[in-house]
PDB file of all heavy atoms in Angstrom:
ATOM      1  N   PRO A   1      25.001 -14.088   2.106  1.00  0.00           N
ATOM      2  CA  PRO A   1      23.572 -14.360   1.910  1.00  0.00           C
ATOM      3  C   PRO A   1      22.741 -14.167   3.179  1.00  0.00           C
ATOM      4  O   PRO A   1      21.645 -13.585   3.123  1.00  0.00           O
ATOM      5  CB  PRO A   1      23.548 -15.819   1.452  1.00  0.00           C
ATOM      6  CG  PRO A   1      24.872 -16.001   0.767  1.00  0.00           C
ATOM      7  CD  PRO A   1      25.850 -15.175   1.552  1.00  0.00           C
ATOM      8  N   ALA A   2      23.254 -14.632   4.314  1.00  0.00           N
ATOM      9  CA  ALA A   2      22.492 -14.494   5.560  1.00  0.00           C
ATOM     10  C   ALA A   2      22.357 -13.033   5.961  1.00  0.00           C
ATOM     11  O   ALA A   2      21.325 -12.618   6.501  1.00  0.00           O
ATOM     12  CB  ALA A   2      23.171 -15.291   6.675  1.00  0.00           C
ATOM     13  N   THR A   3      23.385 -12.253   5.694  1.00  0.00           N
ATOM     14  CA  THR A   3      23.332 -10.827   6.039  1.00  0.00           C
ATOM     15  C   THR A   3      22.369 -10.105   5.111  1.00  0.00           C
ATOM     16  O   THR A   3      21.595  -9.246   5.554  1.00  0.00           O
ATOM     17  CB  THR A   3      24.733 -10.208   5.936  1.00  0.00           C
ATOM     18  OG1 THR A   3      25.650 -10.987   6.701  1.00  0.00           O
ATOM     19  CG2 THR A   3      24.739  -8.785   6.439  1.00  0.00           C
ATOM     20  N   ARG A   4      22.416 -10.429   3.824  1.00  0.00           N
ATOM     21  CA  ARG A   4      21.485  -9.816   2.882  1.00  0.00           C
ATOM     22  C   ARG A   4      20.048 -10.071   3.298  1.00  0.00           C
ATOM     23  O   ARG A   4      19.182  -9.194   3.175  1.00  0.00           O
ATOM     24  CB  ARG A   4      21.723 -10.372   1.479  1.00  0.00           C
ATOM     25  CG  ARG A   4      20.708  -9.898   0.444  1.00  0.00           C
ATOM     26  CD  ARG A   4      20.872 -10.624  -0.877  1.00  0.00           C
ATOM     27  NE  ARG A   4      19.809 -10.278  -1.807  1.00  0.00           N
ATOM     28  CZ  ARG A   4      18.629 -10.873  -1.861  1.00  0.00           C
ATOM     29  NH1 ARG A   4      18.347 -11.866  -1.007  1.00  0.00           N
ATOM     30  NH2 ARG A   4      17.722 -10.499  -2.756  1.00  0.00           N
ATOM     31  N   ARG A   5      19.769 -11.270   3.822  1.00  0.00           N
ATOM     32  CA  ARG A   5      18.399 -11.587   4.212  1.00  0.00           C
ATOM     33  C   ARG A   5      17.886 -10.639   5.295  1.00  0.00           C
ATOM     34  O   ARG A   5      16.679 -10.409   5.399  1.00  0.00           O
ATOM     35  CB  ARG A   5      18.324 -13.034   4.743  1.00  0.00           C
ATOM     36  CG  ARG A   5      18.470 -14.110   3.699  1.00  0.00           C
ATOM     37  CD  ARG A   5      17.407 -14.017   2.622  1.00  0.00           C
ATOM     38  NE  ARG A   5      16.056 -13.826   3.152  1.00  0.00           N
ATOM     39  CZ  ARG A   5      15.048 -13.327   2.456  1.00  0.00           C
ATOM     40  NH1 ARG A   5      15.230 -12.951   1.221  1.00  0.00           N
ATOM     41  NH2 ARG A   5      13.859 -13.206   2.994  1.00  0.00           N
ATOM     42  N   LEU A   6      18.803 -10.087   6.086  1.00  0.00           N
ATOM     43  CA  LEU A   6      18.386  -9.179   7.152  1.00  0.00           C
ATOM     44  C   LEU A   6      17.731  -7.915   6.600  1.00  0.00           C
ATOM     45  O   LEU A   6      16.903  -7.293   7.276  1.00  0.00           O
ATOM     46  CB  LEU A   6      19.589  -8.804   8.022  1.00  0.00           C
ATOM     47  CG  LEU A   6      20.207  -9.938   8.842  1.00  0.00           C
ATOM     48  CD1 LEU A   6      21.482  -9.464   9.521  1.00  0.00           C
ATOM     49  CD2 LEU A   6      19.211 -10.458   9.866  1.00  0.00           C
ATOM     50  N   PHE A   7      18.130  -7.525   5.388  1.00  0.00           N
ATOM     51  CA  PHE A   7      17.474  -6.382   4.751  1.00  0.00           C
ATOM     52  C   PHE A   7      15.969  -6.584   4.698  1.00  0.00           C
ATOM     53  O   PHE A   7      15.177  -5.654   4.878  1.00  0.00           O
ATOM     54  CB  PHE A   7      17.987  -6.230   3.316  1.00  0.00           C
ATOM     55  CG  PHE A   7      19.058  -5.194   3.125  1.00  0.00           C
ATOM     56  CD1 PHE A   7      20.036  -5.386   2.173  1.00  0.00           C
ATOM     57  CD2 PHE A   7      19.083  -4.027   3.873  1.00  0.00           C
ATOM     58  CE1 PHE A   7      21.019  -4.430   1.962  1.00  0.00           C
ATOM     59  CE2 PHE A   7      20.057  -3.059   3.669  1.00  0.00           C
ATOM     60  CZ  PHE A   7      21.035  -3.271   2.709  1.00  0.00           C
ATOM     61  N   PHE A   8      15.552  -7.814   4.418  1.00  0.00           N
ATOM     62  CA  PHE A   8      14.159  -8.102   4.098  1.00  0.00           C
ATOM     63  C   PHE A   8      13.449  -8.908   5.189  1.00  0.00           C
ATOM     64  O   PHE A   8      12.363  -9.440   4.961  1.00  0.00           O
ATOM     65  CB  PHE A   8      14.083  -8.853   2.772  1.00  0.00           C
ATOM     66  CG  PHE A   8      14.951  -8.246   1.702  1.00  0.00           C
ATOM     67  CD1 PHE A   8      15.973  -8.960   1.115  1.00  0.00           C
ATOM     68  CD2 PHE A   8      14.759  -6.930   1.317  1.00  0.00           C
ATOM     69  CE1 PHE A   8      16.776  -8.400   0.143  1.00  0.00           C
ATOM     70  CE2 PHE A   8      15.557  -6.359   0.348  1.00  0.00           C
ATOM     71  CZ  PHE A   8      16.570  -7.088  -0.240  1.00  0.00           C
ATOM     72  N   THR A   9      14.080  -9.003   6.343  1.00  0.00           N
ATOM     73  CA  THR A   9      13.464  -9.705   7.472  1.00  0.00           C
ATOM     74  C   THR A   9      12.770  -8.690   8.369  1.00  0.00           C
ATOM     75  O   THR A   9      13.425  -7.797   8.910  1.00  0.00           O
ATOM     76  CB  THR A   9      14.513 -10.467   8.287  1.00  0.00           C
ATOM     77  OG1 THR A   9      15.179 -11.411   7.439  1.00  0.00           O
ATOM     78  CG2 THR A   9      13.868 -11.198   9.449  1.00  0.00           C
ATOM     79  N   PRO A  10      11.445  -8.768   8.524  1.00  0.00           N
ATOM     80  CA  PRO A  10      10.753  -7.785   9.360  1.00  0.00           C
ATOM     81  C   PRO A  10      11.297  -7.773  10.794  1.00  0.00           C
ATOM     82  O   PRO A  10      11.434  -8.825  11.421  1.00  0.00           O
ATOM     83  CB  PRO A  10       9.296  -8.260   9.336  1.00  0.00           C
ATOM     84  CG  PRO A  10       9.181  -9.055   8.067  1.00  0.00           C
ATOM     85  CD  PRO A  10      10.516  -9.727   7.901  1.00  0.00           C
ATOM     86  N   GLN A  11      11.610  -6.583  11.264  1.00  0.00           N
ATOM     87  CA  GLN A  11      12.089  -6.399  12.628  1.00  0.00           C
ATOM     88  C   GLN A  11      10.990  -5.861  13.544  1.00  0.00           C
ATOM     89  O   GLN A  11      10.967  -6.165  14.723  1.00  0.00           O
ATOM     90  CB  GLN A  11      13.267  -5.413  12.644  1.00  0.00           C
ATOM     91  CG  GLN A  11      14.408  -5.772  11.706  1.00  0.00           C
ATOM     92  CD  GLN A  11      15.127  -7.028  12.135  1.00  0.00           C
ATOM     93  OE1 GLN A  11      15.453  -7.213  13.309  1.00  0.00           O
ATOM     94  NE2 GLN A  11      15.390  -7.913  11.177  1.00  0.00           N
ATOM     95  N   ILE A  12      10.084  -5.071  12.974  1.00  0.00           N
ATOM     96  CA  ILE A  12       9.028  -4.433  13.771  1.00  0.00           C
ATOM     97  C   ILE A  12       7.891  -4.027  12.838  1.00  0.00           C
ATOM     98  O   ILE A  12       8.126  -3.602  11.705  1.00  0.00           O
ATOM     99  CB  ILE A  12       9.585  -3.181  14.510  1.00  0.00           C
ATOM    100  CG1 ILE A  12       8.598  -2.633  15.551  1.00  0.00           C
ATOM    101  CG2 ILE A  12       9.992  -2.097  13.539  1.00  0.00           C
ATOM    102  CD1 ILE A  12       8.667  -3.322  16.876  1.00  0.00           C
ATOM    103  N   ARG A  13       6.663  -4.216  13.270  1.00  0.00           N
ATOM    104  CA  ARG A  13       5.522  -3.730  12.497  1.00  0.00           C
ATOM    105  C   ARG A  13       5.303  -2.249  12.800  1.00  0.00           C
ATOM    106  O   ARG A  13       5.555  -1.786  13.915  1.00  0.00           O
ATOM    107  CB  ARG A  13       4.273  -4.531  12.832  1.00  0.00           C
ATOM    108  CG  ARG A  13       4.328  -5.965  12.309  1.00  0.00           C
ATOM    109  CD  ARG A  13       3.190  -6.793  12.871  1.00  0.00           C
ATOM    110  NE  ARG A  13       1.898  -6.372  12.344  1.00  0.00           N
ATOM    111  CZ  ARG A  13       0.728  -6.738  12.854  1.00  0.00           C
ATOM    112  NH1 ARG A  13       0.694  -7.521  13.928  1.00  0.00           N
ATOM    113  NH2 ARG A  13      -0.401  -6.335  12.315  1.00  0.00           N
ATOM    114  N   VAL A  14       4.832  -1.516  11.806  1.00  0.00           N
ATOM    115  CA  VAL A  14       4.656  -0.082  11.979  1.00  0.00           C
ATOM    116  C   VAL A  14       3.222   0.237  12.373  1.00  0.00           C
ATOM    117  O   VAL A  14       2.312  -0.574  12.193  1.00  0.00           O
ATOM    118  CB  VAL A  14       5.038   0.691  10.701  1.00  0.00           C
ATOM    119  CG1 VAL A  14       6.446   0.328  10.261  1.00  0.00           C
ATOM    120  CG2 VAL A  14       4.040   0.424   9.568  1.00  0.00           C
ATOM    121  N   SER A  15       3.032   1.435  12.890  1.00  0.00           N
ATOM    122  CA  SER A  15       1.706   1.879  13.287  1.00  0.00           C
ATOM    123  C   SER A  15       0.902   2.306  12.071  1.00  0.00           C
ATOM    124  O   SER A  15       1.431   2.926  11.148  1.00  0.00           O
ATOM    125  CB  SER A  15       1.816   3.061  14.253  1.00  0.00           C
ATOM    126  OG  SER A  15       0.549   3.650  14.475  1.00  0.00           O
ATOM    127  N   GLU A  16      -0.381   1.995  12.074  1.00  0.00           N
ATOM    128  CA  GLU A  16      -1.240   2.458  10.989  1.00  0.00           C
ATOM    129  C   GLU A  16      -1.342   3.972  10.966  1.00  0.00           C
ATOM    130  O   GLU A  16      -1.632   4.567   9.937  1.00  0.00           O
ATOM    131  CB  GLU A  16      -2.634   1.843  11.101  1.00  0.00           C
ATOM    132  CG  GLU A  16      -2.703   0.394  10.655  1.00  0.00           C
ATOM    133  CD  GLU A  16      -4.122  -0.051  10.360  1.00  0.00           C
ATOM    134  OE1 GLU A  16      -5.060   0.630  10.813  1.00  0.00           O
ATOM    135  OE2 GLU A  16      -4.286  -1.082   9.681  1.00  0.00           O
ATOM    136  N   SER A  17      -1.078   4.613  12.104  1.00  0.00           N
ATOM    137  CA  SER A  17      -1.242   6.068  12.188  1.00  0.00           C
ATOM    138  C   SER A  17      -0.143   6.833  11.481  1.00  0.00           C
ATOM    139  O   SER A  17      -0.302   8.007  11.169  1.00  0.00           O
ATOM    140  CB  SER A  17      -1.306   6.503  13.650  1.00  0.00           C
ATOM    141  OG  SER A  17      -0.076   6.229  14.306  1.00  0.00           O
ATOM    142  N   GLY A  18       1.022   6.210  11.251  1.00  0.00           N
ATOM    143  CA  GLY A  18       2.083   6.923  10.558  1.00  0.00           C
ATOM    144  C   GLY A  18       3.447   6.726  11.167  1.00  0.00           C
ATOM    145  O   GLY A  18       3.682   5.810  11.965  1.00  0.00           O
ATOM    146  N   THR A  19       4.355   7.630  10.822  1.00  0.00           N
ATOM    147  CA  THR A  19       5.779   7.446  11.113  1.00  0.00           C
ATOM    148  C   THR A  19       6.191   7.817  12.522  1.00  0.00           C
ATOM    149  O   THR A  19       7.166   7.286  13.039  1.00  0.00           O
ATOM    150  CB  THR A  19       6.627   8.281  10.140  1.00  0.00           C
ATOM    151  OG1 THR A  19       6.308   9.676  10.320  1.00  0.00           O
ATOM    152  CG2 THR A  19       6.340   7.887   8.698  1.00  0.00           C
ATOM    153  N   ASN A  20       5.487   8.760  13.153  1.00  0.00           N
ATOM    154  CA  ASN A  20       5.935   9.302  14.432  1.00  0.00           C
ATOM    155  C   ASN A  20       5.145   8.709  15.591  1.00  0.00           C
ATOM    156  O   ASN A  20       3.944   8.963  15.739  1.00  0.00           O
ATOM    157  CB  ASN A  20       5.793  10.830  14.429  1.00  0.00           C
ATOM    158  CG  ASN A  20       6.402  11.479  15.660  1.00  0.00           C
ATOM    159  OD1 ASN A  20       6.713  10.808  16.636  1.00  0.00           O
ATOM    160  ND2 ASN A  20       6.574  12.780  15.615  1.00  0.00           N
ATOM    161  N   ASN A  21       5.833   7.934  16.415  1.00  0.00           N
ATOM    162  CA  ASN A  21       5.178   7.311  17.573  1.00  0.00           C
ATOM    163  C   ASN A  21       6.012   7.500  18.837  1.00  0.00           C
ATOM    164  O   ASN A  21       6.063   6.622  19.702  1.00  0.00           O
ATOM    165  CB  ASN A  21       4.965   5.818  17.309  1.00  0.00           C
ATOM    166  CG  ASN A  21       4.066   5.564  16.115  1.00  0.00           C
ATOM    167  OD1 ASN A  21       2.855   5.669  16.212  1.00  0.00           O
ATOM    168  ND2 ASN A  21       4.667   5.268  14.976  1.00  0.00           N
ATOM    169  N   THR A  22       6.660   8.662  18.950  1.00  0.00           N
ATOM    170  CA  THR A  22       7.517   8.885  20.111  1.00  0.00           C
ATOM    171  C   THR A  22       6.712   9.076  21.394  1.00  0.00           C
ATOM    172  O   THR A  22       7.114   8.612  22.458  1.00  0.00           O
ATOM    173  CB  THR A  22       8.400  10.135  19.910  1.00  0.00           C
ATOM    174  OG1 THR A  22       7.567  11.249  19.566  1.00  0.00           O
ATOM    175  CG2 THR A  22       9.416   9.911  18.817  1.00  0.00           C
ATOM    176  N   MET A  23       5.569   9.734  21.297  1.00  0.00           N
ATOM    177  CA  MET A  23       4.841  10.126  22.513  1.00  0.00           C
ATOM    178  C   MET A  23       3.884   9.058  23.026  1.00  0.00           C
ATOM    179  O   MET A  23       3.506   9.086  24.192  1.00  0.00           O
ATOM    180  CB  MET A  23       4.078  11.428  22.262  1.00  0.00           C
ATOM    181  CG  MET A  23       4.950  12.574  21.780  1.00  0.00           C
ATOM    182  SD  MET A  23       6.468  12.813  22.768  1.00  0.00           S
ATOM    183  CE  MET A  23       5.763  13.322  24.321  1.00  0.00           C
ATOM    184  N   ARG A  24       3.484   8.141  22.163  1.00  0.00           N
ATOM    185  CA  ARG A  24       2.548   7.103  22.629  1.00  0.00           C
ATOM    186  C   ARG A  24       2.682   5.859  21.758  1.00  0.00           C
ATOM    187  O   ARG A  24       3.073   5.941  20.595  1.00  0.00           O
ATOM    188  CB  ARG A  24       1.104   7.600  22.606  1.00  0.00           C
ATOM    189  CG  ARG A  24       0.628   8.067  21.242  1.00  0.00           C
ATOM    190  CD  ARG A  24      -0.766   8.680  21.320  1.00  0.00           C
ATOM    191  NE  ARG A  24      -1.192   9.192  20.033  1.00  0.00           N
ATOM    192  CZ  ARG A  24      -0.889  10.400  19.573  1.00  0.00           C
ATOM    193  NH1 ARG A  24      -0.136  11.198  20.311  1.00  0.00           N
ATOM    194  NH2 ARG A  24      -1.320  10.799  18.403  1.00  0.00           N
ATOM    195  N   ALA A  25       2.324   4.740  22.333  1.00  0.00           N
ATOM    196  CA  ALA A  25       2.386   3.479  21.610  1.00  0.00           C
ATOM    197  C   ALA A  25       1.300   3.444  20.543  1.00  0.00           C
ATOM    198  O   ALA A  25       0.232   4.046  20.709  1.00  0.00           O
ATOM    199  CB  ALA A  25       2.213   2.313  22.571  1.00  0.00           C
ATOM    200  N   PRO A  26       1.523   2.761  19.429  1.00  0.00           N
ATOM    201  CA  PRO A  26       0.512   2.675  18.377  1.00  0.00           C
ATOM    202  C   PRO A  26      -0.768   2.021  18.875  1.00  0.00           C
ATOM    203  O   PRO A  26      -0.733   1.051  19.642  1.00  0.00           O
ATOM    204  CB  PRO A  26       1.187   1.803  17.314  1.00  0.00           C
ATOM    205  CG  PRO A  26       2.646   1.873  17.613  1.00  0.00           C
ATOM    206  CD  PRO A  26       2.766   2.058  19.079  1.00  0.00           C
ATOM    207  N   GLU A  27      -1.895   2.559  18.428  1.00  0.00           N
ATOM    208  CA  GLU A  27      -3.171   1.950  18.775  1.00  0.00           C
ATOM    209  C   GLU A  27      -3.442   0.716  17.919  1.00  0.00           C
ATOM    210  O   GLU A  27      -4.076  -0.231  18.369  1.00  0.00           O
ATOM    211  CB  GLU A  27      -4.297   2.973  18.585  1.00  0.00           C
ATOM    212  CG  GLU A  27      -4.230   4.138  19.579  1.00  0.00           C
ATOM    213  CD  GLU A  27      -5.384   5.094  19.394  1.00  0.00           C
ATOM    214  OE1 GLU A  27      -6.254   4.832  18.533  1.00  0.00           O
ATOM    215  OE2 GLU A  27      -5.431   6.103  20.122  1.00  0.00           O
ATOM    216  N   LYS A  28      -2.942   0.759  16.681  1.00  0.00           N
ATOM    217  CA  LYS A  28      -3.176  -0.358  15.779  1.00  0.00           C
ATOM    218  C   LYS A  28      -1.981  -0.510  14.858  1.00  0.00           C
ATOM    219  O   LYS A  28      -1.497   0.459  14.282  1.00  0.00           O
ATOM    220  CB  LYS A  28      -4.452  -0.118  14.950  1.00  0.00           C
ATOM    221  CG  LYS A  28      -4.883  -1.322  14.126  1.00  0.00           C
ATOM    222  CD  LYS A  28      -6.206  -1.041  13.428  1.00  0.00           C
ATOM    223  CE  LYS A  28      -6.662  -2.243  12.606  1.00  0.00           C
ATOM    224  NZ  LYS A  28      -7.941  -1.970  11.886  1.00  0.00           N
ATOM    225  N   LEU A  29      -1.499  -1.735  14.712  1.00  0.00           N
ATOM    226  CA  LEU A  29      -0.356  -2.003  13.846  1.00  0.00           C
ATOM    227  C   LEU A  29      -0.827  -2.373  12.446  1.00  0.00           C
ATOM    228  O   LEU A  29      -1.883  -2.982  12.270  1.00  0.00           O
ATOM    229  CB  LEU A  29       0.491  -3.137  14.426  1.00  0.00           C
ATOM    230  CG  LEU A  29       1.127  -2.864  15.783  1.00  0.00           C
ATOM    231  CD1 LEU A  29       1.867  -4.095  16.285  1.00  0.00           C
ATOM    232  CD2 LEU A  29       2.080  -1.672  15.719  1.00  0.00           C
ATOM    233  N   SER A  30      -0.034  -1.995  11.466  1.00  0.00           N
ATOM    234  CA  SER A  30      -0.390  -2.271  10.082  1.00  0.00           C
ATOM    235  C   SER A  30      -0.309  -3.770   9.788  1.00  0.00           C
ATOM    236  O   SER A  30       0.661  -4.430  10.165  1.00  0.00           O
ATOM    237  CB  SER A  30       0.556  -1.519   9.144  1.00  0.00           C
ATOM    238  OG  SER A  30       0.373  -1.941   7.815  1.00  0.00           O
ATOM    239  N   PRO A  31      -1.290  -4.303   9.088  1.00  0.00           N
ATOM    240  CA  PRO A  31      -1.222  -5.727   8.721  1.00  0.00           C
ATOM    241  C   PRO A  31      -0.304  -5.991   7.533  1.00  0.00           C
ATOM    242  O   PRO A  31       0.059  -7.133   7.274  1.00  0.00           O
ATOM    243  CB  PRO A  31      -2.676  -6.055   8.373  1.00  0.00           C
ATOM    244  CG  PRO A  31      -3.243  -4.753   7.885  1.00  0.00           C
ATOM    245  CD  PRO A  31      -2.563  -3.681   8.690  1.00  0.00           C
ATOM    246  N   THR A  32       0.084  -4.937   6.798  1.00  0.00           N
ATOM    247  CA  THR A  32       0.861  -5.137   5.573  1.00  0.00           C
ATOM    248  C   THR A  32       2.250  -4.516   5.615  1.00  0.00           C
ATOM    249  O   THR A  32       3.082  -4.845   4.769  1.00  0.00           O
ATOM    250  CB  THR A  32       0.114  -4.536   4.368  1.00  0.00           C
ATOM    251  OG1 THR A  32      -0.152  -3.143   4.636  1.00  0.00           O
ATOM    252  CG2 THR A  32      -1.200  -5.261   4.116  1.00  0.00           C
ATOM    253  N   LEU A  33       2.519  -3.623   6.567  1.00  0.00           N
ATOM    254  CA  LEU A  33       3.773  -2.870   6.569  1.00  0.00           C
ATOM    255  C   LEU A  33       4.602  -3.144   7.812  1.00  0.00           C
ATOM    256  O   LEU A  33       4.072  -3.187   8.930  1.00  0.00           O
ATOM    257  CB  LEU A  33       3.495  -1.370   6.479  1.00  0.00           C
ATOM    258  CG  LEU A  33       2.720  -0.898   5.250  1.00  0.00           C
ATOM    259  CD1 LEU A  33       2.431   0.590   5.347  1.00  0.00           C
ATOM    260  CD2 LEU A  33       3.477  -1.211   3.971  1.00  0.00           C
ATOM    261  N   SER A  34       5.897  -3.308   7.585  1.00  0.00           N
ATOM    262  CA  SER A  34       6.844  -3.501   8.688  1.00  0.00           C
ATOM    263  C   SER A  34       8.152  -2.831   8.286  1.00  0.00           C
ATOM    264  O   SER A  34       8.246  -2.227   7.216  1.00  0.00           O
ATOM    265  CB  SER A  34       7.047  -4.998   8.969  1.00  0.00           C
ATOM    266  OG  SER A  34       7.524  -5.664   7.816  1.00  0.00           O
ATOM    267  N   TRP A  35       9.160  -2.935   9.153  1.00  0.00           N
ATOM    268  CA  TRP A  35      10.462  -2.374   8.832  1.00  0.00           C
ATOM    269  C   TRP A  35      11.534  -3.433   8.998  1.00  0.00           C
ATOM    270  O   TRP A  35      11.536  -4.196   9.970  1.00  0.00           O
ATOM    271  CB  TRP A  35      10.785  -1.174   9.722  1.00  0.00           C
ATOM    272  CG  TRP A  35      11.491  -0.107   8.942  1.00  0.00           C
ATOM    273  CD1 TRP A  35      12.828   0.098   8.841  1.00  0.00           C
ATOM    274  CD2 TRP A  35      10.878   0.881   8.112  1.00  0.00           C
ATOM    275  NE1 TRP A  35      13.099   1.155   7.999  1.00  0.00           N
ATOM    276  CE2 TRP A  35      11.915   1.660   7.522  1.00  0.00           C
ATOM    277  CE3 TRP A  35       9.554   1.183   7.784  1.00  0.00           C
ATOM    278  CZ2 TRP A  35      11.676   2.714   6.655  1.00  0.00           C
ATOM    279  CZ3 TRP A  35       9.309   2.242   6.915  1.00  0.00           C
ATOM    280  CH2 TRP A  35      10.358   2.989   6.373  1.00  0.00           C
ATOM    281  N   GLY A  36      12.408  -3.522   7.996  1.00  0.00           N
ATOM    282  CA  GLY A  36      13.563  -4.402   8.085  1.00  0.00           C
ATOM    283  C   GLY A  36      14.756  -3.630   8.612  1.00  0.00           C
ATOM    284  O   GLY A  36      14.606  -2.776   9.488  1.00  0.00           O
ATOM    285  N   LEU A  37      15.932  -3.885   8.069  1.00  0.00           N
ATOM    286  CA  LEU A  37      17.123  -3.134   8.463  1.00  0.00           C
ATOM    287  C   LEU A  37      17.448  -2.133   7.356  1.00  0.00           C
ATOM    288  O   LEU A  37      18.083  -2.463   6.358  1.00  0.00           O
ATOM    289  CB  LEU A  37      18.307  -4.079   8.699  1.00  0.00           C
ATOM    290  CG  LEU A  37      18.152  -5.036   9.878  1.00  0.00           C
ATOM    291  CD1 LEU A  37      19.434  -5.838  10.096  1.00  0.00           C
ATOM    292  CD2 LEU A  37      17.779  -4.285  11.167  1.00  0.00           C
ATOM    293  N   GLY A  38      16.940  -0.931   7.523  1.00  0.00           N
ATOM    294  CA  GLY A  38      17.173   0.127   6.556  1.00  0.00           C
ATOM    295  C   GLY A  38      16.061   0.325   5.552  1.00  0.00           C
ATOM    296  O   GLY A  38      15.990   1.358   4.899  1.00  0.00           O
ATOM    297  N   TRP A  39      15.185  -0.657   5.387  1.00  0.00           N
ATOM    298  CA  TRP A  39      14.108  -0.585   4.404  1.00  0.00           C
ATOM    299  C   TRP A  39      12.744  -0.745   5.044  1.00  0.00           C
ATOM    300  O   TRP A  39      12.583  -1.509   6.000  1.00  0.00           O
ATOM    301  CB  TRP A  39      14.249  -1.697   3.363  1.00  0.00           C
ATOM    302  CG  TRP A  39      15.449  -1.626   2.483  1.00  0.00           C
ATOM    303  CD1 TRP A  39      16.582  -2.366   2.587  1.00  0.00           C
ATOM    304  CD2 TRP A  39      15.647  -0.766   1.359  1.00  0.00           C
ATOM    305  NE1 TRP A  39      17.475  -2.038   1.602  1.00  0.00           N
ATOM    306  CE2 TRP A  39      16.925  -1.050   0.833  1.00  0.00           C
ATOM    307  CE3 TRP A  39      14.869   0.222   0.742  1.00  0.00           C
ATOM    308  CZ2 TRP A  39      17.437  -0.383  -0.289  1.00  0.00           C
ATOM    309  CZ3 TRP A  39      15.392   0.879  -0.370  1.00  0.00           C
ATOM    310  CH2 TRP A  39      16.651   0.573  -0.870  1.00  0.00           C
ATOM    311  N   GLY A  40      11.745  -0.070   4.455  1.00  0.00           N
ATOM    312  CA  GLY A  40      10.375  -0.417   4.742  1.00  0.00           C
ATOM    313  C   GLY A  40      10.017  -1.659   3.951  1.00  0.00           C
ATOM    314  O   GLY A  40      10.547  -1.893   2.854  1.00  0.00           O
ATOM    315  N   LEU A  41       9.128  -2.488   4.483  1.00  0.00           N
ATOM    316  CA  LEU A  41       8.691  -3.717   3.823  1.00  0.00           C
ATOM    317  C   LEU A  41       7.179  -3.713   3.712  1.00  0.00           C
ATOM    318  O   LEU A  41       6.483  -3.412   4.685  1.00  0.00           O
ATOM    319  CB  LEU A  41       9.150  -4.945   4.616  1.00  0.00           C
ATOM    320  CG  LEU A  41      10.650  -5.066   4.904  1.00  0.00           C
ATOM    321  CD1 LEU A  41      10.918  -6.260   5.813  1.00  0.00           C
ATOM    322  CD2 LEU A  41      11.441  -5.198   3.602  1.00  0.00           C
TER     323      LEU A  41
END
């Protein structure tokens, strides 16, 4: 059960600008979207 919860535990918020942020840090983070372990949330 504790491991399953990791699927749905936000690890990092994503950038509003999209998926690719290798070259610069996000200017604004999404208020509704984050990433768990393997899944978008």
